[in-house]
Every structure is written in structure tokens, then in C-alpha cells.
Amino acid sequence: FAARDMIISLRSGMPLYNAIVSIST
């Protein structure tokens, strides 16, 4: 579930580090 959330963030143009920060909680 966290990985799918990260994929959605990356497709919206967010950098990888910011996507990891968003799923760290």
C-alpha cells in the first residue's frame, strides 16, 4: 500500500525523496 502511494506521488511530478517523506508516516 505504501509503494502504491509512492507511485501516485511520483506520477504527479513529486521527486522521489519527497515521495518517500510522504509515506514515512
mmCIF file of all heavy atoms, coordinates in Angstrom:
data_MODEL
# 
_entry.id   MODEL 
# 
loop_
_atom_site.group_PDB 
_atom_site.id 
_atom_site.type_symbol 
_atom_site.label_atom_id 
_atom_site.label_alt_id 
_atom_site.label_comp_id 
_atom_site.label_asym_id 
_atom_site.label_entity_id 
_atom_site.label_seq_id 
_atom_site.pdbx_PDB_ins_code 
_atom_site.Cartn_x 
_atom_site.Cartn_y 
_atom_site.Cartn_z 
_atom_site.occupancy 
_atom_site.B_iso_or_equiv 
_atom_site.pdbx_formal_charge 
_atom_site.auth_seq_id 
_atom_site.auth_comp_id 
_atom_site.auth_asym_id 
_atom_site.auth_atom_id 
_atom_site.pdbx_PDB_model_num 
ATOM 1   N N   . PHE A 1 1  ? 0.838  -1.207 0.000   1.00 0.00 ? 1  PHE A N   1 
ATOM 2   C CA  . PHE A 1 1  ? 0.000  0.000  0.000   1.00 0.00 ? 1  PHE A CA  1 
ATOM 3   C C   . PHE A 1 1  ? 0.874  1.259  0.000   1.00 0.00 ? 1  PHE A C   1 
ATOM 4   O O   . PHE A 1 1  ? 0.567  2.233  -0.689  1.00 0.00 ? 1  PHE A O   1 
ATOM 5   C CB  . PHE A 1 1  ? -0.912 -0.009 1.227   1.00 0.00 ? 1  PHE A CB  1 
ATOM 6   C CG  . PHE A 1 1  ? -1.764 -1.239 1.323   1.00 0.00 ? 1  PHE A CG  1 
ATOM 7   C CD1 . PHE A 1 1  ? -1.447 -2.256 2.215   1.00 0.00 ? 1  PHE A CD1 1 
ATOM 8   C CD2 . PHE A 1 1  ? -2.893 -1.396 0.520   1.00 0.00 ? 1  PHE A CD2 1 
ATOM 9   C CE1 . PHE A 1 1  ? -2.221 -3.393 2.307   1.00 0.00 ? 1  PHE A CE1 1 
ATOM 10  C CE2 . PHE A 1 1  ? -3.680 -2.530 0.604   1.00 0.00 ? 1  PHE A CE2 1 
ATOM 11  C CZ  . PHE A 1 1  ? -3.344 -3.531 1.508   1.00 0.00 ? 1  PHE A CZ  1 
ATOM 12  N N   . ALA A 1 2  ? 1.978  1.234  0.766   1.00 0.00 ? 2  ALA A N   1 
ATOM 13  C CA  . ALA A 1 2  ? 2.884  2.388  0.784   1.00 0.00 ? 2  ALA A CA  1 
ATOM 14  C C   . ALA A 1 2  ? 3.547  2.586  -0.578  1.00 0.00 ? 2  ALA A C   1 
ATOM 15  O O   . ALA A 1 2  ? 3.712  3.724  -1.046  1.00 0.00 ? 2  ALA A O   1 
ATOM 16  C CB  . ALA A 1 2  ? 3.941  2.200  1.880   1.00 0.00 ? 2  ALA A CB  1 
ATOM 17  N N   . ALA A 1 3  ? 3.915  1.487  -1.235  1.00 0.00 ? 3  ALA A N   1 
ATOM 18  C CA  . ALA A 1 3  ? 4.566  1.591  -2.546  1.00 0.00 ? 3  ALA A CA  1 
ATOM 19  C C   . ALA A 1 3  ? 3.600  2.154  -3.596  1.00 0.00 ? 3  ALA A C   1 
ATOM 20  O O   . ALA A 1 3  ? 4.000  2.963  -4.456  1.00 0.00 ? 3  ALA A O   1 
ATOM 21  C CB  . ALA A 1 3  ? 5.079  0.229  -2.978  1.00 0.00 ? 3  ALA A CB  1 
ATOM 22  N N   . ARG A 1 4  ? 2.349  1.763  -3.529  1.00 0.00 ? 4  ARG A N   1 
ATOM 23  C CA  . ARG A 1 4  ? 1.372  2.309  -4.488  1.00 0.00 ? 4  ARG A CA  1 
ATOM 24  C C   . ARG A 1 4  ? 1.152  3.804  -4.260  1.00 0.00 ? 4  ARG A C   1 
ATOM 25  O O   . ARG A 1 4  ? 1.005  4.580  -5.216  1.00 0.00 ? 4  ARG A O   1 
ATOM 26  C CB  . ARG A 1 4  ? 0.052  1.544  -4.362  1.00 0.00 ? 4  ARG A CB  1 
ATOM 27  C CG  . ARG A 1 4  ? 0.111  0.138  -4.941  1.00 0.00 ? 4  ARG A CG  1 
ATOM 28  C CD  . ARG A 1 4  ? -1.125 -0.654 -4.597  1.00 0.00 ? 4  ARG A CD  1 
ATOM 29  N NE  . ARG A 1 4  ? -1.070 -1.981 -5.208  1.00 0.00 ? 4  ARG A NE  1 
ATOM 30  C CZ  . ARG A 1 4  ? -1.917 -2.977 -4.890  1.00 0.00 ? 4  ARG A CZ  1 
ATOM 31  N NH1 . ARG A 1 4  ? -2.869 -2.766 -3.988  1.00 0.00 ? 4  ARG A NH1 1 
ATOM 32  N NH2 . ARG A 1 4  ? -1.801 -4.150 -5.489  1.00 0.00 ? 4  ARG A NH2 1 
ATOM 33  N N   . ASP A 1 5  ? 1.142  4.209  -2.981  1.00 0.00 ? 5  ASP A N   1 
ATOM 34  C CA  . ASP A 1 5  ? 1.037  5.634  -2.679  1.00 0.00 ? 5  ASP A CA  1 
ATOM 35  C C   . ASP A 1 5  ? 2.254  6.385  -3.217  1.00 0.00 ? 5  ASP A C   1 
ATOM 36  O O   . ASP A 1 5  ? 2.133  7.508  -3.747  1.00 0.00 ? 5  ASP A O   1 
ATOM 37  C CB  . ASP A 1 5  ? 0.920  5.819  -1.167  1.00 0.00 ? 5  ASP A CB  1 
ATOM 38  C CG  . ASP A 1 5  ? 0.517  7.241  -0.793  1.00 0.00 ? 5  ASP A CG  1 
ATOM 39  O OD1 . ASP A 1 5  ? 0.453  8.105  -1.679  1.00 0.00 ? 5  ASP A OD1 1 
ATOM 40  O OD2 . ASP A 1 5  ? 0.271  7.485  0.403   1.00 0.00 ? 5  ASP A OD2 1 
ATOM 41  N N   . MET A 1 6  ? 3.430  5.788  -3.113  1.00 0.00 ? 6  MET A N   1 
ATOM 42  C CA  . MET A 1 6  ? 4.640  6.426  -3.640  1.00 0.00 ? 6  MET A CA  1 
ATOM 43  C C   . MET A 1 6  ? 4.578  6.553  -5.165  1.00 0.00 ? 6  MET A C   1 
ATOM 44  O O   . MET A 1 6  ? 5.007  7.569  -5.734  1.00 0.00 ? 6  MET A O   1 
ATOM 45  C CB  . MET A 1 6  ? 5.868  5.618  -3.219  1.00 0.00 ? 6  MET A CB  1 
ATOM 46  C CG  . MET A 1 6  ? 7.193  6.234  -3.638  1.00 0.00 ? 6  MET A CG  1 
ATOM 47  S SD  . MET A 1 6  ? 8.620  5.378  -2.924  1.00 0.00 ? 6  MET A SD  1 
ATOM 48  C CE  . MET A 1 6  ? 8.405  3.744  -3.647  1.00 0.00 ? 6  MET A CE  1 
ATOM 49  N N   . ILE A 1 7  ? 4.036  5.546  -5.845  1.00 0.00 ? 7  ILE A N   1 
ATOM 50  C CA  . ILE A 1 7  ? 3.902  5.604  -7.311  1.00 0.00 ? 7  ILE A CA  1 
ATOM 51  C C   . ILE A 1 7  ? 2.969  6.756  -7.720  1.00 0.00 ? 7  ILE A C   1 
ATOM 52  O O   . ILE A 1 7  ? 3.245  7.500  -8.682  1.00 0.00 ? 7  ILE A O   1 
ATOM 53  C CB  . ILE A 1 7  ? 3.377  4.259  -7.839  1.00 0.00 ? 7  ILE A CB  1 
ATOM 54  C CG1 . ILE A 1 7  ? 4.464  3.187  -7.731  1.00 0.00 ? 7  ILE A CG1 1 
ATOM 55  C CG2 . ILE A 1 7  ? 2.904  4.385  -9.275  1.00 0.00 ? 7  ILE A CG2 1 
ATOM 56  C CD1 . ILE A 1 7  ? 5.630  3.404  -8.642  1.00 0.00 ? 7  ILE A CD1 1 
ATOM 57  N N   . ILE A 1 8  ? 1.878  6.920  -6.966  1.00 0.00 ? 8  ILE A N   1 
ATOM 58  C CA  . ILE A 1 8  ? 0.942  8.008  -7.284  1.00 0.00 ? 8  ILE A CA  1 
ATOM 59  C C   . ILE A 1 8  ? 1.620  9.365  -7.105  1.00 0.00 ? 8  ILE A C   1 
ATOM 60  O O   . ILE A 1 8  ? 1.446  10.288 -7.925  1.00 0.00 ? 8  ILE A O   1 
ATOM 61  C CB  . ILE A 1 8  ? -0.308 7.891  -6.389  1.00 0.00 ? 8  ILE A CB  1 
ATOM 62  C CG1 . ILE A 1 8  ? -1.088 6.614  -6.733  1.00 0.00 ? 8  ILE A CG1 1 
ATOM 63  C CG2 . ILE A 1 8  ? -1.200 9.110  -6.538  1.00 0.00 ? 8  ILE A CG2 1 
ATOM 64  C CD1 . ILE A 1 8  ? -2.227 6.316  -5.783  1.00 0.00 ? 8  ILE A CD1 1 
ATOM 65  N N   . SER A 1 9  ? 2.431  9.489  -6.041  1.00 0.00 ? 9  SER A N   1 
ATOM 66  C CA  . SER A 1 9  ? 3.137  10.759 -5.814  1.00 0.00 ? 9  SER A CA  1 
ATOM 67  C C   . SER A 1 9  ? 4.160  11.028 -6.914  1.00 0.00 ? 9  SER A C   1 
ATOM 68  O O   . SER A 1 9  ? 4.325  12.169 -7.360  1.00 0.00 ? 9  SER A O   1 
ATOM 69  C CB  . SER A 1 9  ? 3.827  10.722 -4.440  1.00 0.00 ? 9  SER A CB  1 
ATOM 70  O OG  . SER A 1 9  ? 2.891  10.539 -3.401  1.00 0.00 ? 9  SER A OG  1 
ATOM 71  N N   . LEU A 1 10 ? 4.854  9.980  -7.366  1.00 0.00 ? 10 LEU A N   1 
ATOM 72  C CA  . LEU A 1 10 ? 5.854  10.161 -8.418  1.00 0.00 ? 10 LEU A CA  1 
ATOM 73  C C   . LEU A 1 10 ? 5.205  10.537 -9.750  1.00 0.00 ? 10 LEU A C   1 
ATOM 74  O O   . LEU A 1 10 ? 5.730  11.355 -10.506 1.00 0.00 ? 10 LEU A O   1 
ATOM 75  C CB  . LEU A 1 10 ? 6.678  8.882  -8.574  1.00 0.00 ? 10 LEU A CB  1 
ATOM 76  C CG  . LEU A 1 10 ? 7.636  8.539  -7.424  1.00 0.00 ? 10 LEU A CG  1 
ATOM 77  C CD1 . LEU A 1 10 ? 8.269  7.178  -7.649  1.00 0.00 ? 10 LEU A CD1 1 
ATOM 78  C CD2 . LEU A 1 10 ? 8.711  9.610  -7.289  1.00 0.00 ? 10 LEU A CD2 1 
ATOM 79  N N   . ARG A 1 11 ? 4.056  9.963  -10.049 1.00 0.00 ? 11 ARG A N   1 
ATOM 80  C CA  . ARG A 1 11 ? 3.370  10.284 -11.304 1.00 0.00 ? 11 ARG A CA  1 
ATOM 81  C C   . ARG A 1 11 ? 2.809  11.704 -11.293 1.00 0.00 ? 11 ARG A C   1 
ATOM 82  O O   . ARG A 1 11 ? 2.599  12.291 -12.362 1.00 0.00 ? 11 ARG A O   1 
ATOM 83  C CB  . ARG A 1 11 ? 2.257  9.281  -11.551 1.00 0.00 ? 11 ARG A CB  1 
ATOM 84  C CG  . ARG A 1 11 ? 2.769  7.927  -12.009 1.00 0.00 ? 11 ARG A CG  1 
ATOM 85  C CD  . ARG A 1 11 ? 1.650  6.941  -12.220 1.00 0.00 ? 11 ARG A CD  1 
ATOM 86  N NE  . ARG A 1 11 ? 2.167  5.673  -12.764 1.00 0.00 ? 11 ARG A NE  1 
ATOM 87  C CZ  . ARG A 1 11 ? 1.436  4.575  -12.907 1.00 0.00 ? 11 ARG A CZ  1 
ATOM 88  N NH1 . ARG A 1 11 ? 0.150  4.584  -12.542 1.00 0.00 ? 11 ARG A NH1 1 
ATOM 89  N NH2 . ARG A 1 11 ? 1.979  3.472  -13.410 1.00 0.00 ? 11 ARG A NH2 1 
ATOM 90  N N   . SER A 1 12 ? 2.575  12.238 -10.116 1.00 0.00 ? 12 SER A N   1 
ATOM 91  C CA  . SER A 1 12 ? 2.082  13.622 -10.042 1.00 0.00 ? 12 SER A CA  1 
ATOM 92  C C   . SER A 1 12 ? 3.197  14.646 -10.151 1.00 0.00 ? 12 SER A C   1 
ATOM 93  O O   . SER A 1 12 ? 2.927  15.853 -10.083 1.00 0.00 ? 12 SER A O   1 
ATOM 94  C CB  . SER A 1 12 ? 1.330  13.827 -8.723  1.00 0.00 ? 12 SER A CB  1 
ATOM 95  O OG  . SER A 1 12 ? 2.216  13.669 -7.617  1.00 0.00 ? 12 SER A OG  1 
ATOM 96  N N   . GLY A 1 13 ? 4.446  14.186 -10.320 1.00 0.00 ? 13 GLY A N   1 
ATOM 97  C CA  . GLY A 1 13 ? 5.569  15.103 -10.501 1.00 0.00 ? 13 GLY A CA  1 
ATOM 98  C C   . GLY A 1 13 ? 6.399  15.345 -9.264  1.00 0.00 ? 13 GLY A C   1 
ATOM 99  O O   . GLY A 1 13 ? 7.308  16.175 -9.282  1.00 0.00 ? 13 GLY A O   1 
ATOM 100 N N   . MET A 1 14 ? 6.134  14.637 -8.203  1.00 0.00 ? 14 MET A N   1 
ATOM 101 C CA  . MET A 1 14 ? 6.889  14.830 -6.969  1.00 0.00 ? 14 MET A CA  1 
ATOM 102 C C   . MET A 1 14 ? 8.228  14.099 -7.053  1.00 0.00 ? 14 MET A C   1 
ATOM 103 O O   . MET A 1 14 ? 8.282  12.989 -7.574  1.00 0.00 ? 14 MET A O   1 
ATOM 104 C CB  . MET A 1 14 ? 6.077  14.297 -5.772  1.00 0.00 ? 14 MET A CB  1 
ATOM 105 C CG  . MET A 1 14 ? 6.678  14.585 -4.413  1.00 0.00 ? 14 MET A CG  1 
ATOM 106 S SD  . MET A 1 14 ? 5.651  13.920 -3.072  1.00 0.00 ? 14 MET A SD  1 
ATOM 107 C CE  . MET A 1 14 ? 4.186  14.945 -3.243  1.00 0.00 ? 14 MET A CE  1 
ATOM 108 N N   . PRO A 1 15 ? 9.319  14.683 -6.560  1.00 0.00 ? 15 PRO A N   1 
ATOM 109 C CA  . PRO A 1 15 ? 10.606 13.961 -6.542  1.00 0.00 ? 15 PRO A CA  1 
ATOM 110 C C   . PRO A 1 15 ? 10.547 12.728 -5.652  1.00 0.00 ? 15 PRO A C   1 
ATOM 111 O O   . PRO A 1 15 ? 9.676  12.601 -4.778  1.00 0.00 ? 15 PRO A O   1 
ATOM 112 C CB  . PRO A 1 15 ? 11.591 15.007 -5.993  1.00 0.00 ? 15 PRO A CB  1 
ATOM 113 C CG  . PRO A 1 15 ? 10.927 16.323 -6.216  1.00 0.00 ? 15 PRO A CG  1 
ATOM 114 C CD  . PRO A 1 15 ? 9.454  16.075 -6.127  1.00 0.00 ? 15 PRO A CD  1 
ATOM 115 N N   . LEU A 1 16 ? 11.484 11.821 -5.887  1.00 0.00 ? 16 LEU A N   1 
ATOM 116 C CA  . LEU A 1 16 ? 11.483 10.552 -5.146  1.00 0.00 ? 16 LEU A CA  1 
ATOM 117 C C   . LEU A 1 16 ? 11.668 10.767 -3.655  1.00 0.00 ? 16 LEU A C   1 
ATOM 118 O O   . LEU A 1 16 ? 11.000 10.115 -2.846  1.00 0.00 ? 16 LEU A O   1 
ATOM 119 C CB  . LEU A 1 16 ? 12.587 9.635  -5.691  1.00 0.00 ? 16 LEU A CB  1 
ATOM 120 C CG  . LEU A 1 16 ? 12.727 8.268  -5.005  1.00 0.00 ? 16 LEU A CG  1 
ATOM 121 C CD1 . LEU A 1 16 ? 11.434 7.481  -5.129  1.00 0.00 ? 16 LEU A CD1 1 
ATOM 122 C CD2 . LEU A 1 16 ? 13.890 7.501  -5.595  1.00 0.00 ? 16 LEU A CD2 1 
ATOM 123 N N   . TYR A 1 17 ? 12.561 11.683 -3.276  1.00 0.00 ? 17 TYR A N   1 
ATOM 124 C CA  . TYR A 1 17 ? 12.784 11.924 -1.841  1.00 0.00 ? 17 TYR A CA  1 
ATOM 125 C C   . TYR A 1 17 ? 11.519 12.453 -1.171  1.00 0.00 ? 17 TYR A C   1 
ATOM 126 O O   . TYR A 1 17 ? 11.142 12.009 -0.082  1.00 0.00 ? 17 TYR A O   1 
ATOM 127 C CB  . TYR A 1 17 ? 13.941 12.905 -1.653  1.00 0.00 ? 17 TYR A CB  1 
ATOM 128 C CG  . TYR A 1 17 ? 14.123 13.329 -0.214  1.00 0.00 ? 17 TYR A CG  1 
ATOM 129 C CD1 . TYR A 1 17 ? 14.630 12.449 0.741   1.00 0.00 ? 17 TYR A CD1 1 
ATOM 130 C CD2 . TYR A 1 17 ? 13.767 14.618 0.196   1.00 0.00 ? 17 TYR A CD2 1 
ATOM 131 C CE1 . TYR A 1 17 ? 14.789 12.835 2.058   1.00 0.00 ? 17 TYR A CE1 1 
ATOM 132 C CE2 . TYR A 1 17 ? 13.921 15.018 1.509   1.00 0.00 ? 17 TYR A CE2 1 
ATOM 133 C CZ  . TYR A 1 17 ? 14.436 14.119 2.436   1.00 0.00 ? 17 TYR A CZ  1 
ATOM 134 O OH  . TYR A 1 17 ? 14.585 14.498 3.745   1.00 0.00 ? 17 TYR A OH  1 
ATOM 135 N N   . ASN A 1 18 ? 10.830 13.403 -1.815  1.00 0.00 ? 18 ASN A N   1 
ATOM 136 C CA  . ASN A 1 18 ? 9.586  13.933 -1.239  1.00 0.00 ? 18 ASN A CA  1 
ATOM 137 C C   . ASN A 1 18 ? 8.503  12.853 -1.165  1.00 0.00 ? 18 ASN A C   1 
ATOM 138 O O   . ASN A 1 18 ? 7.689  12.840 -0.231  1.00 0.00 ? 18 ASN A O   1 
ATOM 139 C CB  . ASN A 1 18 ? 9.099  15.109 -2.071  1.00 0.00 ? 18 ASN A CB  1 
ATOM 140 C CG  . ASN A 1 18 ? 10.050 16.290 -2.003  1.00 0.00 ? 18 ASN A CG  1 
ATOM 141 O OD1 . ASN A 1 18 ? 10.849 16.386 -1.082  1.00 0.00 ? 18 ASN A OD1 1 
ATOM 142 N ND2 . ASN A 1 18 ? 9.984  17.174 -2.988  1.00 0.00 ? 18 ASN A ND2 1 
ATOM 143 N N   . ALA A 1 19 ? 8.482  11.952 -2.156  1.00 0.00 ? 19 ALA A N   1 
ATOM 144 C CA  . ALA A 1 19 ? 7.515  10.851 -2.112  1.00 0.00 ? 19 ALA A CA  1 
ATOM 145 C C   . ALA A 1 19 ? 7.804  9.919  -0.946  1.00 0.00 ? 19 ALA A C   1 
ATOM 146 O O   . ALA A 1 19 ? 6.873  9.426  -0.277  1.00 0.00 ? 19 ALA A O   1 
ATOM 147 C CB  . ALA A 1 19 ? 7.551  10.087 -3.434  1.00 0.00 ? 19 ALA A CB  1 
ATOM 148 N N   . ILE A 1 20 ? 9.076  9.660  -0.678  1.00 0.00 ? 20 ILE A N   1 
ATOM 149 C CA  . ILE A 1 20 ? 9.442  8.808  0.465   1.00 0.00 ? 20 ILE A CA  1 
ATOM 150 C C   . ILE A 1 20 ? 9.072  9.498  1.772   1.00 0.00 ? 20 ILE A C   1 
ATOM 151 O O   . ILE A 1 20 ? 8.614  8.848  2.724   1.00 0.00 ? 20 ILE A O   1 
ATOM 152 C CB  . ILE A 1 20 ? 10.937 8.456  0.390   1.00 0.00 ? 20 ILE A CB  1 
ATOM 153 C CG1 . ILE A 1 20 ? 11.214 7.575  -0.822  1.00 0.00 ? 20 ILE A CG1 1 
ATOM 154 C CG2 . ILE A 1 20 ? 11.387 7.728  1.658   1.00 0.00 ? 20 ILE A CG2 1 
ATOM 155 C CD1 . ILE A 1 20 ? 12.687 7.281  -1.041  1.00 0.00 ? 20 ILE A CD1 1 
ATOM 156 N N   . VAL A 1 21 ? 9.268  10.807 1.844   1.00 0.00 ? 21 VAL A N   1 
ATOM 157 C CA  . VAL A 1 21 ? 8.899  11.552 3.053   1.00 0.00 ? 21 VAL A CA  1 
ATOM 158 C C   . VAL A 1 21 ? 7.395  11.470 3.290   1.00 0.00 ? 21 VAL A C   1 
ATOM 159 O O   . VAL A 1 21 ? 6.929  11.341 4.433   1.00 0.00 ? 21 VAL A O   1 
ATOM 160 C CB  . VAL A 1 21 ? 9.359  13.022 2.934   1.00 0.00 ? 21 VAL A CB  1 
ATOM 161 C CG1 . VAL A 1 21 ? 8.811  13.854 4.090   1.00 0.00 ? 21 VAL A CG1 1 
ATOM 162 C CG2 . VAL A 1 21 ? 10.876 13.105 2.913   1.00 0.00 ? 21 VAL A CG2 1 
ATOM 163 N N   . SER A 1 22 ? 6.597  11.503 2.231   1.00 0.00 ? 22 SER A N   1 
ATOM 164 C CA  . SER A 1 22 ? 5.136  11.473 2.378   1.00 0.00 ? 22 SER A CA  1 
ATOM 165 C C   . SER A 1 22 ? 4.619  10.138 2.901   1.00 0.00 ? 22 SER A C   1 
ATOM 166 O O   . SER A 1 22 ? 3.573  10.095 3.560   1.00 0.00 ? 22 SER A O   1 
ATOM 167 C CB  . SER A 1 22 ? 4.476  11.787 1.038   1.00 0.00 ? 22 SER A CB  1 
ATOM 168 O OG  . SER A 1 22 ? 4.759  10.764 0.089   1.00 0.00 ? 22 SER A OG  1 
ATOM 169 N N   . ILE A 1 23 ? 5.340  9.040  2.609   1.00 0.00 ? 23 ILE A N   1 
ATOM 170 C CA  . ILE A 1 23 ? 4.887  7.722  3.091   1.00 0.00 ? 23 ILE A CA  1 
ATOM 171 C C   . ILE A 1 23 ? 5.670  7.273  4.330   1.00 0.00 ? 23 ILE A C   1 
ATOM 172 O O   . ILE A 1 23 ? 5.534  6.123  4.749   1.00 0.00 ? 23 ILE A O   1 
ATOM 173 C CB  . ILE A 1 23 ? 5.034  6.657  1.984   1.00 0.00 ? 23 ILE A CB  1 
ATOM 174 C CG1 . ILE A 1 23 ? 6.486  6.518  1.552   1.00 0.00 ? 23 ILE A CG1 1 
ATOM 175 C CG2 . ILE A 1 23 ? 4.139  6.982  0.813   1.00 0.00 ? 23 ILE A CG2 1 
ATOM 176 C CD1 . ILE A 1 23 ? 6.718  5.416  0.555   1.00 0.00 ? 23 ILE A CD1 1 
ATOM 177 N N   . SER A 1 24 ? 6.480  8.145  4.920   1.00 0.00 ? 24 SER A N   1 
ATOM 178 C CA  . SER A 1 24 ? 7.210  7.786  6.140   1.00 0.00 ? 24 SER A CA  1 
ATOM 179 C C   . SER A 1 24 ? 6.318  7.803  7.365   1.00 0.00 ? 24 SER A C   1 
ATOM 180 O O   . SER A 1 24 ? 6.771  7.482  8.468   1.00 0.00 ? 24 SER A O   1 
ATOM 181 C CB  . SER A 1 24 ? 8.389  8.740  6.349   1.00 0.00 ? 24 SER A CB  1 
ATOM 182 O OG  . SER A 1 24 ? 7.941  10.080 6.483   1.00 0.00 ? 24 SER A OG  1 
ATOM 183 N N   . THR A 1 25 ? 5.051  8.172  7.211   1.00 0.00 ? 25 THR A N   1 
ATOM 184 C CA  . THR A 1 25 ? 4.057  8.114  8.289   1.00 0.00 ? 25 THR A CA  1 
ATOM 185 C C   . THR A 1 25 ? 2.753  7.572  7.721   1.00 0.00 ? 25 THR A C   1 
ATOM 186 O O   . THR A 1 25 ? 2.413  7.828  6.561   1.00 0.00 ? 25 THR A O   1 
ATOM 187 C CB  . THR A 1 25 ? 3.806  9.513  8.894   1.00 0.00 ? 25 THR A CB  1 
ATOM 188 O OG1 . THR A 1 25 ? 3.430  10.421 7.847   1.00 0.00 ? 25 THR A OG1 1 
ATOM 189 C CG2 . THR A 1 25 ? 5.045  10.047 9.597   1.00 0.00 ? 25 THR A CG2 1 
# 
